[in-house]
Structure formats: structure tokens, C-alpha cells
């Protein structure tokens, strides 16, 4: 057990952060962030970044939203930090909901050459649709494995294709650089019932508003101009919707409804990722937190 790396994946609002702390307390661990939106300094409340705790946390709120931060950069940093944690005779606990981070860690990541970054996030929906169709006709496999509504990933796929002549999938199929072996990991996945998760999402957003999410977005928008749509942190759910509310374009009820819909859609993508990419993971679907905690701690003590 002491030599293993614990991976904890789950959809948004499933209670991963709290559970990771309980695991760390029980197994002398340190927590490492695997959520692509919790890396940014400027957005703590809306990204659900954990509060400071006596357990050591790594890679939370450590870079500015002004900077681009790729899966490859996370992979290099995370791999080095995991080895440092192990040298300290601690257990690394990797927790988050970004499937690409976990895949990089478990399967390795190919080194794609540096290419000119193209950004299509400024396009309106109809223009995006035409542009995506145009590239799809050029190469039907260019967006394979990519959600076409995710303009950041679409832009990345086009950048790589234009710069190298190969699709992202073709690069991913090349021999990957791996720092760890499959036997190094204990893979845990939370998969609560969708209705239960939806209730947690509603409750959590209400708590975010009480904690100061409106003020956080107002401050964020002062730092980053709204037209700077290429900033990755802008895709954090709630920033755009709160902006509409602050402009009086929508009321508080509409704000909550829009955030719920977007968060539910995001959770659906995470469930889909889990079903397709994490077939060998140990899945836990308990609704009650104490039952979930007991079951996972018991499983870990026997592993």
C-alpha cells in the first residue's frame, strides 16, 4: 500500500476533495490536484478549490489564468511531485475530475512538437459549426475523441494538424513517455446516482454564492478583459453566467438554472469518460458519505 499511488476520479460535486483528505489522514498521504480548473489562482470559489488544510496539497491555485497550462505540463510536474512525495515516505493521492490528466498519468503522453497556437474561441456558434465541418471534410478523423463543443480542444486539434500534418489521435497512438507502471496505481472512481449528484450541484452553487462567487467574478473581470476569450479559465462554469446576471441580462433564478444545466452537462461528460476510459477502475456509487468513506478506507486497508 505504501508504494502505491492512489487515484481518485469522480464527477463534479461528488465529494472527492473531502474524501481525499480522509484518505490522506488515514494513510499518511499528500494530495495532488488533477482538475484543470483548480490550477488557477484567480478563481477559488467557482472552481471549488479546497480550503487550506493540515494535509499538504499540491498544484491548487498555483498559476495565473493569463498563462496557458497544458496536459503535458501537468503530467511533467505531477510525475516529479509524486516521486518527491514517495521519497518522503508519504502516499501520493491524485484527486480530480479531468480525465485527460489521469489518462496521461496511467498511459503516458506523447511529446507533440511545439506548434503555432490557433484560437477559434472568438467565433460565434454558426461560424464555429462551419469551420469544424470544413476541417472534418479535410480529414474525417481530425476531431476523433474530441467533444466538438469544446472550442479549446477543437482549437488544439486544428493547431496540431496544421503544424504537423497528423491528428491528435495519431500522435496519441505513437509510443508514449511513461513514468509509472500500471501496478503502481490504486484506481478509485466515484459514480453517485445522477439525481443525487444534481441535488449536490444545486446545494453547492448556493454555497458558492454565499461565499462570494459574485464578488470573485467581478474582481476577475477587472483583471481580465471580457473579450480575452482565449483565456482557459473563462470556461469555468459560472463566470459567463454571473457576468450576464451582473449586466442584469438574467435574474438570480435564471442564473441558478443556467449554472445547473451547464454543470449537469459537464458531469454527464465525466460519467461518459469514466464508462469509456476507466473500465478497470474500482467504482463506488454510495450516496451516503459515511458509507462511502467506510467502504473506500476498508478497501484501501486490504489493498
Protein backbone atom coordinates (compact mmCIF):
# COMPACT_ATOMS: atom_id res chain seq x y z
CA UNK A 1 0.00 0.00 0.00
CA UNK A 2 2.78 2.46 0.91
CA UNK A 3 4.34 2.05 -2.53
CA UNK A 4 1.09 2.67 -4.39
CA UNK A 5 -0.25 5.89 -5.90
CA UNK A 6 -3.94 6.43 -5.13
CA UNK A 7 -6.00 7.87 -7.98
CA UNK A 8 -9.42 9.32 -7.11
CA UNK A 9 -11.63 10.38 -10.01
CA UNK A 10 -15.25 11.48 -9.91
CA UNK A 11 -17.75 13.92 -11.41
CA UNK A 12 -18.02 17.48 -10.15
CA UNK A 13 -19.65 17.85 -6.69
CA UNK A 14 -19.23 14.14 -5.87
CA UNK A 15 -17.24 14.83 -2.69
CA UNK A 16 -13.75 13.95 -3.95
CA UNK A 17 -11.88 16.69 -2.07
CA UNK A 18 -13.33 15.77 1.32
CA UNK A 19 -12.74 12.07 0.72
CA UNK A 20 -9.14 12.70 -0.37
CA UNK A 21 -8.45 14.43 2.96
CA UNK A 22 -9.90 11.50 4.90
CA UNK A 23 -7.77 9.07 2.87
CA UNK A 24 -4.67 11.22 3.44
CA UNK A 25 -5.28 11.32 7.20
CA UNK A 26 -5.67 7.56 7.34
CA UNK A 27 -2.77 6.62 5.06
CA UNK A 28 -0.19 9.37 5.69
CA UNK A 29 -0.78 10.96 2.30
CA UNK A 30 -0.34 14.18 0.38
CA UNK A 31 -2.91 15.40 -2.14
CA UNK A 32 -2.15 16.38 -5.72
CA UNK A 33 -4.69 18.22 -7.88
CA UNK A 34 -5.92 16.65 -11.13
CA UNK A 35 -8.58 19.25 -12.00
CA UNK A 36 -7.71 21.57 -14.89
CA UNK A 37 -9.73 24.49 -13.49
CA UNK A 38 -8.47 24.35 -9.90
CA UNK A 39 -4.94 25.24 -11.00
CA UNK A 40 -5.81 28.95 -11.47
CA UNK A 41 -5.05 31.49 -8.73
CA UNK A 42 -7.82 33.92 -9.54
CA UNK A 43 -10.84 31.59 -9.28
CA UNK A 44 -11.13 29.73 -5.98
CA UNK A 45 -14.84 29.69 -5.15
CA UNK A 46 -16.29 28.80 -8.57
CA UNK A 47 -13.65 26.13 -9.21
CA UNK A 48 -14.41 24.54 -5.79
CA UNK A 49 -10.78 24.71 -4.76
CA UNK A 50 -10.34 23.02 -1.34
CA UNK A 51 -9.78 25.23 1.72
CA UNK A 52 -6.37 25.16 3.37
CA UNK A 53 -5.89 22.05 5.44
CA UNK A 54 -3.18 20.49 7.57
CA UNK A 55 -2.80 17.87 4.82
CA UNK A 56 -0.32 19.06 2.20
CA UNK A 57 -1.99 19.95 -1.12
CA UNK A 58 -0.14 20.44 -4.42
CA UNK A 59 -0.99 22.30 -7.67
CA UNK A 60 -4.04 24.19 -6.42
CA UNK A 61 -4.26 27.85 -7.45
CA UNK A 62 -0.60 27.97 -8.43
CA UNK A 63 -0.67 29.60 -11.88
CA UNK A 64 -2.27 32.72 -13.30
CA UNK A 65 -5.20 32.44 -15.69
CA UNK A 66 -3.11 34.57 -18.07
CA UNK A 67 -0.91 31.54 -18.73
CA UNK A 68 -1.69 28.55 -20.90
CA UNK A 69 -1.36 25.28 -19.00
CA UNK A 70 -1.40 22.03 -20.96
CA UNK A 71 -1.92 18.38 -20.06
CA UNK A 72 1.75 17.82 -20.92
CA UNK A 73 2.91 20.45 -18.44
CA UNK A 74 0.70 18.99 -15.71
CA UNK A 75 1.99 15.50 -16.47
CA UNK A 76 5.64 16.52 -16.08
CA UNK A 77 5.04 18.48 -12.87
CA UNK A 78 2.78 15.82 -11.35
CA UNK A 79 5.20 12.98 -12.11
CA UNK A 80 8.10 14.81 -10.44
CA UNK A 81 5.99 15.72 -7.40
CA UNK A 82 4.71 12.16 -6.98
CA UNK A 83 8.28 10.89 -6.78
CA UNK A 84 9.16 13.58 -4.22
CA UNK A 85 6.15 12.58 -2.09
CA UNK A 86 7.22 8.95 -2.25
CA UNK A 87 10.76 9.89 -1.19
CA UNK A 88 9.23 11.50 1.89
CA UNK A 89 7.63 8.09 2.61
CA UNK A 90 4.17 9.55 2.03
CA UNK A 91 1.33 8.24 -0.15
CA UNK A 92 0.50 10.36 -3.24
CA UNK A 93 -3.26 10.86 -3.65
CA UNK A 94 -4.20 12.26 -7.06
CA UNK A 95 -7.71 13.71 -6.99
CA UNK A 96 -9.81 15.48 -9.62
CA UNK A 97 -12.27 15.25 -12.46
CA UNK A 98 -10.11 15.92 -15.53
CA UNK A 99 -9.95 12.60 -17.34
CA UNK A 100 -7.09 13.67 -19.63
CA UNK A 101 -4.81 14.20 -16.61
CA UNK A 102 -5.48 10.70 -15.31
CA UNK A 103 -5.01 9.15 -18.74
CA UNK A 104 -1.65 10.89 -19.13
CA UNK A 105 -0.55 9.59 -15.74
CA UNK A 106 -1.62 5.98 -16.31
CA UNK A 107 -0.92 5.60 -20.04
CA UNK A 108 1.83 8.13 -20.65
CA UNK A 109 1.85 11.07 -23.02
CA UNK A 110 3.50 11.51 -26.38
CA UNK A 111 5.71 14.55 -26.85
CA UNK A 112 3.96 16.57 -29.57
CA UNK A 113 6.27 19.12 -31.24
CA UNK A 114 5.61 22.78 -30.45
CA UNK A 115 3.20 24.23 -32.98
CA UNK A 116 1.72 27.65 -33.64
CA UNK A 117 -1.33 28.03 -31.40
CA UNK A 118 -4.55 28.74 -33.26
CA UNK A 119 -7.56 30.02 -31.31
CA UNK A 120 -11.12 29.93 -32.65
CA UNK A 121 -12.93 30.81 -29.43
CA UNK A 122 -13.86 34.25 -30.79
CA UNK A 123 -16.13 32.70 -33.44
CA UNK A 124 -19.90 32.78 -32.99
CA UNK A 125 -21.66 29.34 -32.92
CA UNK A 126 -22.64 29.38 -36.62
CA UNK A 127 -19.06 30.25 -37.66
CA UNK A 128 -17.66 27.54 -35.38
CA UNK A 129 -20.00 24.99 -36.96
CA UNK A 130 -18.87 25.88 -40.49
CA UNK A 131 -15.21 25.87 -39.50
CA UNK A 132 -15.46 22.46 -37.78
CA UNK A 133 -17.28 20.99 -40.80
CA UNK A 134 -14.63 22.37 -43.13
CA UNK A 135 -11.83 20.65 -41.20
CA UNK A 136 -13.84 17.47 -40.84
CA UNK A 137 -14.18 17.28 -44.64
CA UNK A 138 -10.45 17.81 -44.97
CA UNK A 139 -9.75 14.94 -42.56
CA UNK A 140 -12.69 12.96 -41.07
CA UNK A 141 -10.50 11.81 -38.16
CA UNK A 142 -9.25 15.24 -37.06
CA UNK A 143 -11.72 15.51 -34.14
CA UNK A 144 -11.78 11.84 -33.18
CA UNK A 145 -12.24 11.51 -29.40
CA UNK A 146 -12.91 15.25 -29.01
CA UNK A 147 -16.11 16.98 -27.91
CA UNK A 148 -16.76 19.40 -30.76
CA UNK A 149 -18.44 21.84 -28.38
CA UNK A 150 -15.16 22.24 -26.50
CA UNK A 151 -13.61 25.03 -28.56
CA UNK A 152 -10.30 24.89 -26.66
CA UNK A 153 -9.81 21.23 -27.57
CA UNK A 154 -11.03 21.83 -31.13
CA UNK A 155 -8.53 24.70 -31.50
CA UNK A 156 -5.75 22.46 -30.14
CA UNK A 157 -6.66 19.67 -32.60
CA UNK A 158 -6.53 22.07 -35.54
CA UNK A 159 -3.26 23.63 -34.33
CA UNK A 160 -1.59 20.21 -34.14
CA UNK A 161 -2.98 19.11 -37.52
CA UNK A 162 -1.90 22.33 -39.27
CA UNK A 163 1.52 22.25 -37.61
CA UNK A 164 2.39 18.59 -38.05
CA UNK A 165 0.03 17.09 -40.65
CA UNK A 166 -1.09 14.49 -38.09
CA UNK A 167 -4.24 14.39 -35.97
CA UNK A 168 -4.14 14.40 -32.17
CA UNK A 169 -5.30 10.77 -32.21
CA UNK A 170 -2.42 9.80 -34.50
CA UNK A 171 0.02 11.45 -32.10
CA UNK A 172 -1.59 9.74 -29.12
CA UNK A 173 -1.18 6.37 -30.82
CA UNK A 174 2.57 6.87 -31.02
CA UNK A 175 4.78 5.42 -28.28
CA UNK A 176 4.06 7.39 -25.11
CA UNK A 177 6.52 8.51 -22.49
CA UNK A 178 5.53 6.76 -19.28
CA UNK A 179 6.89 7.48 -15.81
CA UNK A 180 4.89 4.79 -13.97
CA UNK A 181 3.63 1.25 -14.44
CA UNK A 182 0.03 0.04 -14.17
CA UNK A 183 0.82 -1.84 -10.95
CA UNK A 184 1.87 1.44 -9.30
CA UNK A 185 -1.73 2.67 -9.06
CA UNK A 186 -4.84 2.05 -6.99
CA UNK A 187 -7.69 3.40 -9.13
CA UNK A 188 -10.81 4.65 -7.37
CA UNK A 189 -13.78 6.17 -9.15
CA UNK A 190 -16.84 7.82 -7.59
CA UNK A 191 -20.07 7.34 -9.53
CA UNK A 192 -23.04 8.59 -7.47
CA UNK A 193 -26.61 8.37 -8.85
CA UNK A 194 -27.24 11.29 -11.20
CA UNK A 195 -30.28 12.58 -9.29
CA UNK A 196 -28.31 12.66 -6.05
CA UNK A 197 -25.45 14.46 -7.79
CA UNK A 198 -27.84 17.06 -9.22
CA UNK A 199 -29.07 17.89 -5.71
CA UNK A 200 -25.46 18.31 -4.56
CA UNK A 201 -24.73 20.59 -7.53
CA UNK A 202 -27.69 22.84 -6.61
CA UNK A 203 -26.64 22.99 -2.96
CA UNK A 204 -23.02 23.68 -3.83
CA UNK A 205 -23.80 26.62 -6.12
CA UNK A 206 -25.95 28.22 -3.43
CA UNK A 207 -22.98 27.87 -1.06
CA UNK A 208 -20.70 29.43 -3.70
CA UNK A 209 -22.98 32.47 -3.88
CA UNK A 210 -22.91 32.80 -0.08
CA UNK A 211 -19.11 32.54 -0.05
CA UNK A 212 -18.76 35.43 -2.51
CA UNK A 213 -18.82 33.99 -6.05
CA UNK A 214 -20.36 37.23 -7.42
CA UNK A 215 -17.53 39.34 -5.97
CA UNK A 216 -14.95 36.83 -7.20
CA UNK A 217 -16.20 37.13 -10.79
CA UNK A 218 -16.39 40.93 -10.59
CA UNK A 219 -12.75 41.05 -9.46
CA UNK A 220 -11.74 38.50 -12.12
CA UNK A 221 -13.36 40.52 -14.90
CA UNK A 222 -11.48 43.63 -13.78
CA UNK A 223 -8.21 41.77 -14.21
CA UNK A 224 -9.10 40.00 -17.46
CA UNK A 225 -10.95 41.82 -20.22
CA UNK A 226 -14.13 40.02 -21.23
CA UNK A 227 -13.11 39.89 -24.88
CA UNK A 228 -10.00 37.91 -23.94
CA UNK A 229 -11.89 34.70 -24.74
CA UNK A 230 -8.71 32.68 -25.29
CA UNK A 231 -8.12 32.50 -21.53
CA UNK A 232 -8.77 28.90 -20.48
CA UNK A 233 -10.14 29.87 -17.06
CA UNK A 234 -13.07 31.59 -18.81
CA UNK A 235 -14.56 28.14 -19.35
CA UNK A 236 -15.05 27.67 -15.59
CA UNK A 237 -18.79 27.21 -15.16
CA UNK A 238 -20.41 30.28 -13.65
CA UNK A 239 -18.09 33.02 -14.90
CA UNK A 240 -20.09 33.76 -18.05
CA UNK A 241 -23.47 33.27 -16.35
CA UNK A 242 -22.62 35.53 -13.41
CA UNK A 243 -21.42 38.12 -15.93
CA UNK A 244 -24.87 38.08 -17.53
CA UNK A 245 -26.50 38.45 -14.11
CA UNK A 246 -24.28 41.39 -13.23
CA UNK A 247 -25.27 43.07 -16.50
CA UNK A 248 -28.91 42.48 -15.49
CA UNK A 249 -29.43 40.32 -18.61
CA UNK A 250 -30.80 37.49 -16.43
CA UNK A 251 -32.24 37.28 -12.91
CA UNK A 252 -30.99 35.19 -9.99
CA UNK A 253 -33.37 32.30 -10.77
CA UNK A 254 -32.16 32.15 -14.39
CA UNK A 255 -28.55 32.35 -13.17
CA UNK A 256 -29.03 29.28 -10.96
CA UNK A 257 -30.88 27.38 -13.71
CA UNK A 258 -28.17 28.08 -16.31
CA UNK A 259 -25.35 27.06 -13.98
CA UNK A 260 -27.21 23.87 -13.03
CA UNK A 261 -27.73 22.94 -16.70
CA UNK A 262 -24.08 23.58 -17.61
CA UNK A 263 -22.76 21.73 -14.56
CA UNK A 264 -25.08 18.81 -15.24
CA UNK A 265 -23.81 18.65 -18.84
CA UNK A 266 -20.22 18.71 -17.58
CA UNK A 267 -20.93 15.89 -15.11
CA UNK A 268 -22.52 13.88 -17.93
CA UNK A 269 -19.28 14.18 -19.94
CA UNK A 270 -17.33 13.00 -16.88
CA UNK A 271 -19.64 9.96 -16.47
CA UNK A 272 -19.18 9.20 -20.18
CA UNK A 273 -15.39 9.43 -19.83
CA UNK A 274 -15.46 7.13 -16.83
CA UNK A 275 -17.54 4.49 -18.65
CA UNK A 276 -15.35 4.59 -21.76
CA UNK A 277 -11.86 5.17 -20.37
CA UNK A 278 -11.88 3.73 -16.84
CA UNK A 279 -13.19 0.20 -17.25
CA UNK A 280 -10.51 -1.26 -14.97
CA UNK A 281 -11.15 1.23 -12.12
CA UNK A 282 -12.88 0.35 -8.84
CA UNK A 283 -16.24 2.15 -8.89
CA UNK A 284 -18.08 3.32 -5.76
CA UNK A 285 -21.63 4.64 -6.05
CA UNK A 286 -22.67 5.12 -2.41
CA UNK A 287 -24.97 8.08 -1.73
CA UNK A 288 -24.25 8.44 1.99
CA UNK A 289 -20.80 9.96 2.58
CA UNK A 290 -20.07 7.97 5.76
CA UNK A 291 -20.89 4.72 3.96
CA UNK A 292 -18.70 5.75 1.02
CA UNK A 293 -15.82 6.72 3.30
CA UNK A 294 -16.02 3.48 5.28
CA UNK A 295 -16.14 1.34 2.15
CA UNK A 296 -13.17 3.04 0.46
CA UNK A 297 -10.98 3.13 3.58
CA UNK A 298 -11.76 -0.54 4.12
CA UNK A 299 -10.86 -1.34 0.50
CA UNK A 300 -7.56 0.57 0.78
CA UNK A 301 -6.59 -1.18 4.01
CA UNK A 302 -6.92 -4.53 2.24
CA UNK A 303 -5.03 -3.48 -0.91
